[in-house]
Structures are given as structure tokens and as C-alpha cells.
Amino acid sequence: MSVKARTAGWKEFLRLCQLPDTTGGLDEILQALLTHEEISQLALRVELLRALLKGEKPQRQIASDLGVSIATITRGSNMLKTIKPKLHKFLGDELA
């Protein structure tokens, strides 16, 4: 798949996620589009970000608690360093 097609597909995915709640909501849309494994990975990613944003535990402890590698934690930590301050604050307010 070309980069252009992936970008178009991503934009279409985002559009679907923003539709009004006339089709059963975002949960139903995501369950139709994602596998159980993908949903599980997204849930794990949220927990990883929550733990990093709280800053209460060392990264090695977070990795152990979540059952992931330290490299996974490092990628999440590095991602948090690159996002816009407004998004970082939003995530911190919502997750921490």
C-alpha cells in the first residue's frame, strides 16, 4: 500500500471516529474496524501512558507491571517528549 493510500485511509478512519453517535458510538465503530488484539494493544498503550504521565514509578517497574519490554516503555516515553505541549497537558489531565 502506498503512503498516499495509507494517509487517505487514516483520514477516513479519523472521519469515521468523529461521526455523530447515530450508529452505536465510537466503541461499536472501533470494534468493527479493529481486531481483539489491536483493541488490547490500544488499552495497554493507554495504561503505559497513564503510568508514564503519573511519574510515580521507574520505567523498569512500569514495564514489569504491564508485562512489556523496557523498549516499549522507552518508545512511549520518547513519544511523550515529541508531542505538542497542549496535547501533553490534555493527556496528563485525562490520564494521570
PDB file of N, CA and C in Angstrom:
ATOM      1  N   MET A   1       0.849  -1.174   0.000  1.00  0.00           N
ATOM      2  CA  MET A   1       0.000   0.000   0.000  1.00  0.00           C
ATOM      3  C   MET A   1       0.894   1.236   0.000  1.00  0.00           C
ATOM      4  N   SER A   2       0.561   2.188  -0.821  1.00  0.00           N
ATOM      5  CA  SER A   2       1.360   3.404  -0.921  1.00  0.00           C
ATOM      6  C   SER A   2       1.139   4.300   0.292  1.00  0.00           C
ATOM      7  N   VAL A   3       2.080   5.213   0.495  1.00  0.00           N
ATOM      8  CA  VAL A   3       1.966   6.172   1.597  1.00  0.00           C
ATOM      9  C   VAL A   3       0.708   7.021   1.414  1.00  0.00           C
ATOM     10  N   LYS A   4       0.433   7.400   0.183  1.00  0.00           N
ATOM     11  CA  LYS A   4      -0.750   8.220  -0.098  1.00  0.00           C
ATOM     12  C   LYS A   4      -2.032   7.470   0.275  1.00  0.00           C
ATOM     13  N   ALA A   5      -2.101   6.193  -0.065  1.00  0.00           N
ATOM     14  CA  ALA A   5      -3.281   5.392   0.259  1.00  0.00           C
ATOM     15  C   ALA A   5      -3.420   5.215   1.768  1.00  0.00           C
ATOM     16  N   ARG A   6      -2.285   5.015   2.460  1.00  0.00           N
ATOM     17  CA  ARG A   6      -2.333   4.881   3.924  1.00  0.00           C
ATOM     18  C   ARG A   6      -2.812   6.172   4.568  1.00  0.00           C
ATOM     19  N   THR A   7      -2.316   7.300   4.059  1.00  0.00           N
ATOM     20  CA  THR A   7      -2.728   8.596   4.598  1.00  0.00           C
ATOM     21  C   THR A   7      -4.223   8.806   4.380  1.00  0.00           C
ATOM     22  N   ALA A   8      -4.696   8.480   3.195  1.00  0.00           N
ATOM     23  CA  ALA A   8      -6.128   8.615   2.899  1.00  0.00           C
ATOM     24  C   ALA A   8      -6.943   7.685   3.793  1.00  0.00           C
ATOM     25  N   GLY A   9      -6.462   6.474   3.994  1.00  0.00           N
ATOM     26  CA  GLY A   9      -7.148   5.524   4.864  1.00  0.00           C
ATOM     27  C   GLY A   9      -7.196   5.999   6.301  1.00  0.00           C
ATOM     28  N   TRP A  10      -6.090   6.589   6.770  1.00  0.00           N
ATOM     29  CA  TRP A  10      -6.043   7.117   8.138  1.00  0.00           C
ATOM     30  C   TRP A  10      -7.040   8.256   8.301  1.00  0.00           C
ATOM     31  N   LYS A  11      -7.085   9.144   7.307  1.00  0.00           N
ATOM     32  CA  LYS A  11      -8.021  10.273   7.383  1.00  0.00           C
ATOM     33  C   LYS A  11      -9.471   9.786   7.368  1.00  0.00           C
ATOM     34  N   GLU A  12      -9.734   8.748   6.614  1.00  0.00           N
ATOM     35  CA  GLU A  12     -11.082   8.178   6.582  1.00  0.00           C
ATOM     36  C   GLU A  12     -11.419   7.549   7.940  1.00  0.00           C
ATOM     37  N   PHE A  13     -10.453   6.874   8.546  1.00  0.00           N
ATOM     38  CA  PHE A  13     -10.635   6.303   9.884  1.00  0.00           C
ATOM     39  C   PHE A  13     -10.975   7.402  10.885  1.00  0.00           C
ATOM     40  N   LEU A  14     -10.225   8.497  10.861  1.00  0.00           N
ATOM     41  CA  LEU A  14     -10.491   9.610  11.777  1.00  0.00           C
ATOM     42  C   LEU A  14     -11.871  10.210  11.544  1.00  0.00           C
ATOM     43  N   ARG A  15     -12.267  10.312  10.285  1.00  0.00           N
ATOM     44  CA  ARG A  15     -13.594  10.840   9.962  1.00  0.00           C
ATOM     45  C   ARG A  15     -14.676   9.939  10.558  1.00  0.00           C
ATOM     46  N   LEU A  16     -14.512   8.634  10.410  1.00  0.00           N
ATOM     47  CA  LEU A  16     -15.489   7.700  10.970  1.00  0.00           C
ATOM     48  C   LEU A  16     -15.582   7.828  12.488  1.00  0.00           C
ATOM     49  N   CYS A  17     -14.441   8.037  13.120  1.00  0.00           N
ATOM     50  CA  CYS A  17     -14.413   8.157  14.583  1.00  0.00           C
ATOM     51  C   CYS A  17     -15.100   9.423  15.069  1.00  0.00           C
ATOM     52  N   GLN A  18     -15.220  10.412  14.209  1.00  0.00           N
ATOM     53  CA  GLN A  18     -15.819  11.685  14.600  1.00  0.00           C
ATOM     54  C   GLN A  18     -17.297  11.786  14.237  1.00  0.00           C
ATOM     55  N   LEU A  19     -17.853  10.741  13.646  1.00  0.00           N
ATOM     56  CA  LEU A  19     -19.264  10.784  13.267  1.00  0.00           C
ATOM     57  C   LEU A  19     -20.142  10.873  14.503  1.00  0.00           C
ATOM     58  N   PRO A  20     -21.308  11.489  14.353  1.00  0.00           N
ATOM     59  CA  PRO A  20     -22.232  11.573  15.489  1.00  0.00           C
ATOM     60  C   PRO A  20     -22.622  10.180  15.980  1.00  0.00           C
ATOM     61  N   ASP A  21     -23.125  10.127  17.169  1.00  0.00           N
ATOM     62  CA  ASP A  21     -23.477   8.866  17.816  1.00  0.00           C
ATOM     63  C   ASP A  21     -24.795   8.315  17.276  1.00  0.00           C
ATOM     64  N   THR A  22     -24.853   8.108  15.972  1.00  0.00           N
ATOM     65  CA  THR A  22     -26.077   7.578  15.376  1.00  0.00           C
ATOM     66  C   THR A  22     -25.938   6.107  15.017  1.00  0.00           C
ATOM     67  N   THR A  23     -24.739   5.577  15.100  1.00  0.00           N
ATOM     68  CA  THR A  23     -24.514   4.191  14.685  1.00  0.00           C
ATOM     69  C   THR A  23     -24.105   3.296  15.843  1.00  0.00           C
ATOM     70  N   GLY A  24     -24.301   3.739  17.062  1.00  0.00           N
ATOM     71  CA  GLY A  24     -23.922   2.915  18.197  1.00  0.00           C
ATOM     72  C   GLY A  24     -22.673   3.398  18.885  1.00  0.00           C
ATOM     73  N   GLY A  25     -22.128   4.484  18.420  1.00  0.00           N
ATOM     74  CA  GLY A  25     -21.000   5.086  19.105  1.00  0.00           C
ATOM     75  C   GLY A  25     -19.646   4.621  18.629  1.00  0.00           C
ATOM     76  N   LEU A  26     -18.654   5.283  19.165  1.00  0.00           N
ATOM     77  CA  LEU A  26     -17.266   5.021  18.802  1.00  0.00           C
ATOM     78  C   LEU A  26     -16.859   3.594  19.145  1.00  0.00           C
ATOM     79  N   ASP A  27     -17.329   3.075  20.263  1.00  0.00           N
ATOM     80  CA  ASP A  27     -16.983   1.708  20.657  1.00  0.00           C
ATOM     81  C   ASP A  27     -17.372   0.712  19.574  1.00  0.00           C
ATOM     82  N   GLU A  28     -18.568   0.846  19.058  1.00  0.00           N
ATOM     83  CA  GLU A  28     -19.041  -0.072  18.020  1.00  0.00           C
ATOM     84  C   GLU A  28     -18.234   0.080  16.732  1.00  0.00           C
ATOM     85  N   ILE A  29     -17.919   1.305  16.371  1.00  0.00           N
ATOM     86  CA  ILE A  29     -17.113   1.545  15.167  1.00  0.00           C
ATOM     87  C   ILE A  29     -15.741   0.900  15.317  1.00  0.00           C
ATOM     88  N   LEU A  30     -15.106   1.133  16.468  1.00  0.00           N
ATOM     89  CA  LEU A  30     -13.765   0.581  16.673  1.00  0.00           C
ATOM     90  C   LEU A  30     -13.784  -0.938  16.737  1.00  0.00           C
ATOM     91  N   GLN A  31     -14.811  -1.520  17.328  1.00  0.00           N
ATOM     92  CA  GLN A  31     -14.885  -2.980  17.375  1.00  0.00           C
ATOM     93  C   GLN A  31     -15.083  -3.579  15.992  1.00  0.00           C
ATOM     94  N   ALA A  32     -15.703  -2.825  15.090  1.00  0.00           N
ATOM     95  CA  ALA A  32     -15.871  -3.296  13.718  1.00  0.00           C
ATOM     96  C   ALA A  32     -14.575  -3.183  12.919  1.00  0.00           C
ATOM     97  N   LEU A  33     -13.750  -2.196  13.259  1.00  0.00           N
ATOM     98  CA  LEU A  33     -12.538  -1.940  12.485  1.00  0.00           C
ATOM     99  C   LEU A  33     -11.285  -2.614  13.034  1.00  0.00           C
ATOM    100  N   LEU A  34     -11.260  -2.897  14.328  1.00  0.00           N
ATOM    101  CA  LEU A  34     -10.051  -3.416  14.967  1.00  0.00           C
ATOM    102  C   LEU A  34     -10.247  -4.851  15.435  1.00  0.00           C
ATOM    103  N   THR A  35      -9.151  -5.605  15.446  1.00  0.00           N
ATOM    104  CA  THR A  35      -9.193  -6.956  15.998  1.00  0.00           C
ATOM    105  C   THR A  35      -9.157  -6.873  17.520  1.00  0.00           C
ATOM    106  N   HIS A  36      -9.448  -7.984  18.174  1.00  0.00           N
ATOM    107  CA  HIS A  36      -9.362  -8.021  19.641  1.00  0.00           C
ATOM    108  C   HIS A  36      -7.943  -7.701  20.097  1.00  0.00           C
ATOM    109  N   GLU A  37      -6.960  -8.199  19.365  1.00  0.00           N
ATOM    110  CA  GLU A  37      -5.556  -7.937  19.716  1.00  0.00           C
ATOM    111  C   GLU A  37      -5.230  -6.453  19.586  1.00  0.00           C
ATOM    112  N   GLU A  38      -5.707  -5.806  18.527  1.00  0.00           N
ATOM    113  CA  GLU A  38      -5.460  -4.373  18.356  1.00  0.00           C
ATOM    114  C   GLU A  38      -6.122  -3.559  19.466  1.00  0.00           C
ATOM    115  N   ILE A  39      -7.320  -3.940  19.853  1.00  0.00           N
ATOM    116  CA  ILE A  39      -8.006  -3.256  20.954  1.00  0.00           C
ATOM    117  C   ILE A  39      -7.227  -3.444  22.242  1.00  0.00           C
ATOM    118  N   SER A  40      -6.743  -4.654  22.467  1.00  0.00           N
ATOM    119  CA  SER A  40      -5.941  -4.942  23.658  1.00  0.00           C
ATOM    120  C   SER A  40      -4.661  -4.113  23.672  1.00  0.00           C
ATOM    121  N   GLN A  41      -4.018  -3.979  22.521  1.00  0.00           N
ATOM    122  CA  GLN A  41      -2.788  -3.194  22.430  1.00  0.00           C
ATOM    123  C   GLN A  41      -3.057  -1.712  22.685  1.00  0.00           C
ATOM    124  N   LEU A  42      -4.180  -1.204  22.204  1.00  0.00           N
ATOM    125  CA  LEU A  42      -4.535   0.197  22.471  1.00  0.00           C
ATOM    126  C   LEU A  42      -4.789   0.414  23.958  1.00  0.00           C
ATOM    127  N   ALA A  43      -5.474  -0.532  24.586  1.00  0.00           N
ATOM    128  CA  ALA A  43      -5.731  -0.424  26.025  1.00  0.00           C
ATOM    129  C   ALA A  43      -4.418  -0.443  26.803  1.00  0.00           C
ATOM    130  N   LEU A  44      -3.497  -1.297  26.391  1.00  0.00           N
ATOM    131  CA  LEU A  44      -2.188  -1.364  27.037  1.00  0.00           C
ATOM    132  C   LEU A  44      -1.430  -0.054  26.849  1.00  0.00           C
ATOM    133  N   ARG A  45      -1.528   0.520  25.665  1.00  0.00           N
ATOM    134  CA  ARG A  45      -0.853   1.789  25.385  1.00  0.00           C
ATOM    135  C   ARG A  45      -1.388   2.900  26.292  1.00  0.00           C
ATOM    136  N   VAL A  46      -2.687   2.908  26.521  1.00  0.00           N
ATOM    137  CA  VAL A  46      -3.279   3.907  27.418  1.00  0.00           C
ATOM    138  C   VAL A  46      -2.733   3.723  28.832  1.00  0.00           C
ATOM    139  N   GLU A  47      -2.656   2.487  29.300  1.00  0.00           N
ATOM    140  CA  GLU A  47      -2.127   2.230  30.643  1.00  0.00           C
ATOM    141  C   GLU A  47      -0.655   2.619  30.742  1.00  0.00           C
ATOM    142  N   LEU A  48       0.097   2.356  29.689  1.00  0.00           N
ATOM    143  CA  LEU A  48       1.508   2.741  29.643  1.00  0.00           C
ATOM    144  C   LEU A  48       1.639   4.261  29.750  1.00  0.00           C
ATOM    145  N   LEU A  49       0.860   4.988  28.963  1.00  0.00           N
ATOM    146  CA  LEU A  49       0.914   6.450  29.002  1.00  0.00           C
ATOM    147  C   LEU A  49       0.478   6.982  30.360  1.00  0.00           C
ATOM    148  N   ARG A  50      -0.565   6.376  30.937  1.00  0.00           N
ATOM    149  CA  ARG A  50      -1.032   6.793  32.254  1.00  0.00           C
ATOM    150  C   ARG A  50       0.104   6.672  33.282  1.00  0.00           C
ATOM    151  N   ALA A  51       0.783   5.535  33.274  1.00  0.00           N
ATOM    152  CA  ALA A  51       1.869   5.310  34.231  1.00  0.00           C
ATOM    153  C   ALA A  51       3.015   6.291  34.011  1.00  0.00           C
ATOM    154  N   LEU A  52       3.365   6.541  32.754  1.00  0.00           N
ATOM    155  CA  LEU A  52       4.446   7.491  32.469  1.00  0.00           C
ATOM    156  C   LEU A  52       4.061   8.904  32.893  1.00  0.00           C
ATOM    157  N   LEU A  53       2.836   9.301  32.610  1.00  0.00           N
ATOM    158  CA  LEU A  53       2.394  10.652  32.953  1.00  0.00           C
ATOM    159  C   LEU A  53       2.292  10.858  34.459  1.00  0.00           C
ATOM    160  N   LYS A  54       1.896   9.824  35.179  1.00  0.00           N
ATOM    161  CA  LYS A  54       1.847   9.935  36.641  1.00  0.00           C
ATOM    162  C   LYS A  54       3.242  10.116  37.214  1.00  0.00           C
ATOM    163  N   GLY A  55       4.221   9.450  36.617  1.00  0.00           N
ATOM    164  CA  GLY A  55       5.605   9.594  37.054  1.00  0.00           C
ATOM    165  C   GLY A  55       5.888   9.056  38.446  1.00  0.00           C
ATOM    166  N   GLU A  56       5.075   8.137  38.924  1.00  0.00           N
ATOM    167  CA  GLU A  56       5.236   7.614  40.278  1.00  0.00           C
ATOM    168  C   GLU A  56       6.170   6.415  40.363  1.00  0.00           C
ATOM    169  N   LYS A  57       6.411   5.755  39.230  1.00  0.00           N
ATOM    170  CA  LYS A  57       7.223   4.538  39.226  1.00  0.00           C
ATOM    171  C   LYS A  57       8.341   4.659  38.204  1.00  0.00           C
ATOM    172  N   PRO A  58       9.466   3.980  38.459  1.00  0.00           N
ATOM    173  CA  PRO A  58      10.522   3.932  37.447  1.00  0.00           C
ATOM    174  C   PRO A  58      10.031   3.148  36.218  1.00  0.00           C
ATOM    175  N   GLN A  59      10.648   3.427  35.087  1.00  0.00           N
ATOM    176  CA  GLN A  59      10.233   2.776  33.847  1.00  0.00           C
ATOM    177  C   GLN A  59      10.347   1.259  33.929  1.00  0.00           C
ATOM    178  N   ARG A  60      11.358   0.749  34.586  1.00  0.00           N
ATOM    179  CA  ARG A  60      11.506  -0.708  34.711  1.00  0.00           C
ATOM    180  C   ARG A  60      10.343  -1.313  35.490  1.00  0.00           C
ATOM    181  N   GLN A  61       9.864  -0.612  36.494  1.00  0.00           N
ATOM    182  CA  GLN A  61       8.719  -1.103  37.270  1.00  0.00           C
ATOM    183  C   GLN A  61       7.452  -1.075  36.422  1.00  0.00           C
ATOM    184  N   ILE A  62       7.287  -0.020  35.623  1.00  0.00           N
ATOM    185  CA  ILE A  62       6.128   0.065  34.725  1.00  0.00           C
ATOM    186  C   ILE A  62       6.156  -1.108  33.751  1.00  0.00           C
ATOM    187  N   ALA A  63       7.328  -1.381  33.181  1.00  0.00           N
ATOM    188  CA  ALA A  63       7.470  -2.495  32.239  1.00  0.00           C
ATOM    189  C   ALA A  63       7.081  -3.809  32.904  1.00  0.00           C
ATOM    190  N   SER A  64       7.557  -4.015  34.111  1.00  0.00           N
ATOM    191  CA  SER A  64       7.242  -5.243  34.847  1.00  0.00           C
ATOM    192  C   SER A  64       5.747  -5.330  35.158  1.00  0.00           C
ATOM    193  N   ASP A  65       5.174  -4.244  35.637  1.00  0.00           N
ATOM    194  CA  ASP A  65       3.750  -4.222  35.987  1.00  0.00           C
ATOM    195  C   ASP A  65       2.855  -4.517  34.783  1.00  0.00           C
ATOM    196  N   LEU A  66       3.232  -3.972  33.620  1.00  0.00           N
ATOM    197  CA  LEU A  66       2.406  -4.125  32.421  1.00  0.00           C
ATOM    198  C   LEU A  66       2.772  -5.352  31.595  1.00  0.00           C
ATOM    199  N   GLY A  67       3.884  -5.994  31.935  1.00  0.00           N
ATOM    200  CA  GLY A  67       4.307  -7.176  31.190  1.00  0.00           C
ATOM    201  C   GLY A  67       4.815  -6.861  29.800  1.00  0.00           C
ATOM    202  N   VAL A  68       5.509  -5.728  29.672  1.00  0.00           N
ATOM    203  CA  VAL A  68       6.078  -5.324  28.382  1.00  0.00           C
ATOM    204  C   VAL A  68       7.575  -5.105  28.545  1.00  0.00           C
ATOM    205  N   SER A  69       8.258  -4.958  27.425  1.00  0.00           N
ATOM    206  CA  SER A  69       9.699  -4.731  27.472  1.00  0.00           C
ATOM    207  C   SER A  69      10.002  -3.284  27.844  1.00  0.00           C
ATOM    208  N   ILE A  70      11.197  -3.065  28.338  1.00  0.00           N
ATOM    209  CA  ILE A  70      11.638  -1.702  28.645  1.00  0.00           C
ATOM    210  C   ILE A  70      11.685  -0.869  27.362  1.00  0.00           C
ATOM    211  N   ALA A  71      11.946  -1.515  26.221  1.00  0.00           N
ATOM    212  CA  ALA A  71      11.966  -0.798  24.938  1.00  0.00           C
ATOM    213  C   ALA A  71      10.587  -0.213  24.621  1.00  0.00           C
ATOM    214  N   THR A  72       9.533  -0.943  24.956  1.00  0.00           N
ATOM    215  CA  THR A  72       8.173  -0.441  24.744  1.00  0.00           C
ATOM    216  C   THR A  72       7.923   0.792  25.595  1.00  0.00           C
ATOM    217  N   ILE A  73       8.382   0.754  26.838  1.00  0.00           N
ATOM    218  CA  ILE A  73       8.228   1.896  27.736  1.00  0.00           C
ATOM    219  C   ILE A  73       9.032   3.083  27.210  1.00  0.00           C
ATOM    220  N   THR A  74      10.237   2.811  26.745  1.00  0.00           N
ATOM    221  CA  THR A  74      11.095   3.871  26.206  1.00  0.00           C
ATOM    222  C   THR A  74      10.441   4.533  24.997  1.00  0.00           C
ATOM    223  N   ARG A  75       9.838   3.739  24.106  1.00  0.00           N
ATOM    224  CA  ARG A  75       9.147   4.318  22.939  1.00  0.00           C
ATOM    225  C   ARG A  75       8.006   5.225  23.385  1.00  0.00           C
ATOM    226  N   GLY A  76       7.247   4.786  24.380  1.00  0.00           N
ATOM    227  CA  GLY A  76       6.164   5.623  24.899  1.00  0.00           C
ATOM    228  C   GLY A  76       6.690   6.905  25.513  1.00  0.00           C
ATOM    229  N   SER A  77       7.770   6.793  26.268  1.00  0.00           N
ATOM    230  CA  SER A  77       8.384   7.965  26.897  1.00  0.00           C
ATOM    231  C   SER A  77       8.904   8.937  25.845  1.00  0.00           C
ATOM    232  N   ASN A  78       9.552   8.397  24.826  1.00  0.00           N
ATOM    233  CA  ASN A  78      10.074   9.250  23.750  1.00  0.00           C
ATOM    234  C   ASN A  78       8.942   9.931  22.986  1.00  0.00           C
ATOM    235  N   MET A  79       7.827   9.229  22.782  1.00  0.00           N
ATOM    236  CA  MET A  79       6.683   9.827  22.101  1.00  0.00           C
ATOM    237  C   MET A  79       6.149  11.002  22.908  1.00  0.00           C
ATOM    238  N   LEU A  80       6.070  10.851  24.229  1.00  0.00           N
ATOM    239  CA  LEU A  80       5.571  11.943  25.069  1.00  0.00           C
ATOM    240  C   LEU A  80       6.465  13.179  24.982  1.00  0.00           C
ATOM    241  N   LYS A  81       7.737  12.974  24.702  1.00  0.00           N
ATOM    242  CA  LYS A  81       8.673  14.099  24.582  1.00  0.00           C
ATOM    243  C   LYS A  81       8.493  14.859  23.276  1.00  0.00           C
ATOM    244  N   THR A  82       7.837  14.242  22.291  1.00  0.00           N
ATOM    245  CA  THR A  82       7.734  14.865  20.970  1.00  0.00           C
ATOM    246  C   THR A  82       6.374  15.497  20.685  1.00  0.00           C
ATOM    247  N   ILE A  83       5.383  15.243  21.530  1.00  0.00           N
ATOM    248  CA  ILE A  83       4.052  15.781  21.239  1.00  0.00           C
ATOM    249  C   ILE A  83       3.949  17.243  21.676  1.00  0.00           C
ATOM    250  N   LYS A  84       2.976  17.918  21.122  1.00  0.00           N
ATOM    251  CA  LYS A  84       2.765  19.331  21.440  1.00  0.00           C
ATOM    252  C   LYS A  84       2.385  19.485  22.910  1.00  0.00           C
ATOM    253  N   PRO A  85       2.820  20.582  23.530  1.00  0.00           N
ATOM    254  CA  PRO A  85       2.511  20.806  24.948  1.00  0.00           C
ATOM    255  C   PRO A  85       1.014  20.739  25.269  1.00  0.00           C
ATOM    256  N   LYS A  86       0.182  21.243  24.380  1.00  0.00           N
ATOM    257  CA  LYS A  86      -1.264  21.234  24.617  1.00  0.00           C
ATOM    258  C   LYS A  86      -1.786  19.796  24.706  1.00  0.00           C
ATOM    259  N   LEU A  87      -1.308  18.922  23.819  1.00  0.00           N
ATOM    260  CA  LEU A  87      -1.721  17.520  23.854  1.00  0.00           C
ATOM    261  C   LEU A  87      -1.159  16.829  25.095  1.00  0.00           C
ATOM    262  N   HIS A  88       0.079  17.149  25.449  1.00  0.00           N
ATOM    263  CA  HIS A  88       0.697  16.566  26.646  1.00  0.00           C
ATOM    264  C   HIS A  88      -0.129  16.928  27.883  1.00  0.00           C
ATOM    265  N   LYS A  89      -0.546  18.181  27.977  1.00  0.00           N
ATOM    266  CA  LYS A  89      -1.363  18.626  29.113  1.00  0.00           C
ATOM    267  C   LYS A  89      -2.709  17.912  29.118  1.00  0.00           C
ATOM    268  N   PHE A  90      -3.328  17.815  27.957  1.00  0.00           N
ATOM    269  CA  PHE A  90      -4.618  17.128  27.855  1.00  0.00           C
ATOM    270  C   PHE A  90      -4.497  15.682  28.332  1.00  0.00           C
ATOM    271  N   LEU A  91      -3.498  14.978  27.827  1.00  0.00           N
ATOM    272  CA  LEU A  91      -3.304  13.581  28.231  1.00  0.00           C
ATOM    273  C   LEU A  91      -3.023  13.479  29.724  1.00  0.00           C
ATOM    274  N   GLY A  92      -2.202  14.392  30.229  1.00  0.00           N
ATOM    275  CA  GLY A  92      -1.906  14.395  31.656  1.00  0.00           C
ATOM    276  C   GLY A  92      -3.148  14.621  32.493  1.00  0.00           C
ATOM    277  N   ASP A  93      -3.986  15.556  32.064  1.00  0.00           N
ATOM    278  CA  ASP A  93      -5.221  15.850  32.795  1.00  0.00           C
ATOM    279  C   ASP A  93      -6.196  14.672  32.753  1.00  0.00           C
ATOM    280  N   GLU A  94      -6.269  14.011  31.618  1.00  0.00           N
ATOM    281  CA  GLU A  94      -7.242  12.931  31.437  1.00  0.00           C
ATOM    282  C   GLU A  94      -6.775  11.591  31.999  1.00  0.00           C
ATOM    283  N   LEU A  95      -5.476  11.334  31.934  1.00  0.00           N
ATOM    284  CA  LEU A  95      -4.973  10.007  32.298  1.00  0.00           C
ATOM    285  C   LEU A  95      -4.294   9.930  33.652  1.00  0.00           C
ATOM    286  N   ALA A  96      -3.662  11.005  34.063  1.00  0.00           N
ATOM    287  CA  ALA A  96      -2.866  10.933  35.301  1.00  0.00           C
ATOM    288  C   ALA A  96      -3.715  11.129  36.537  1.00  0.00           C
TER     289      ALA A  96
END
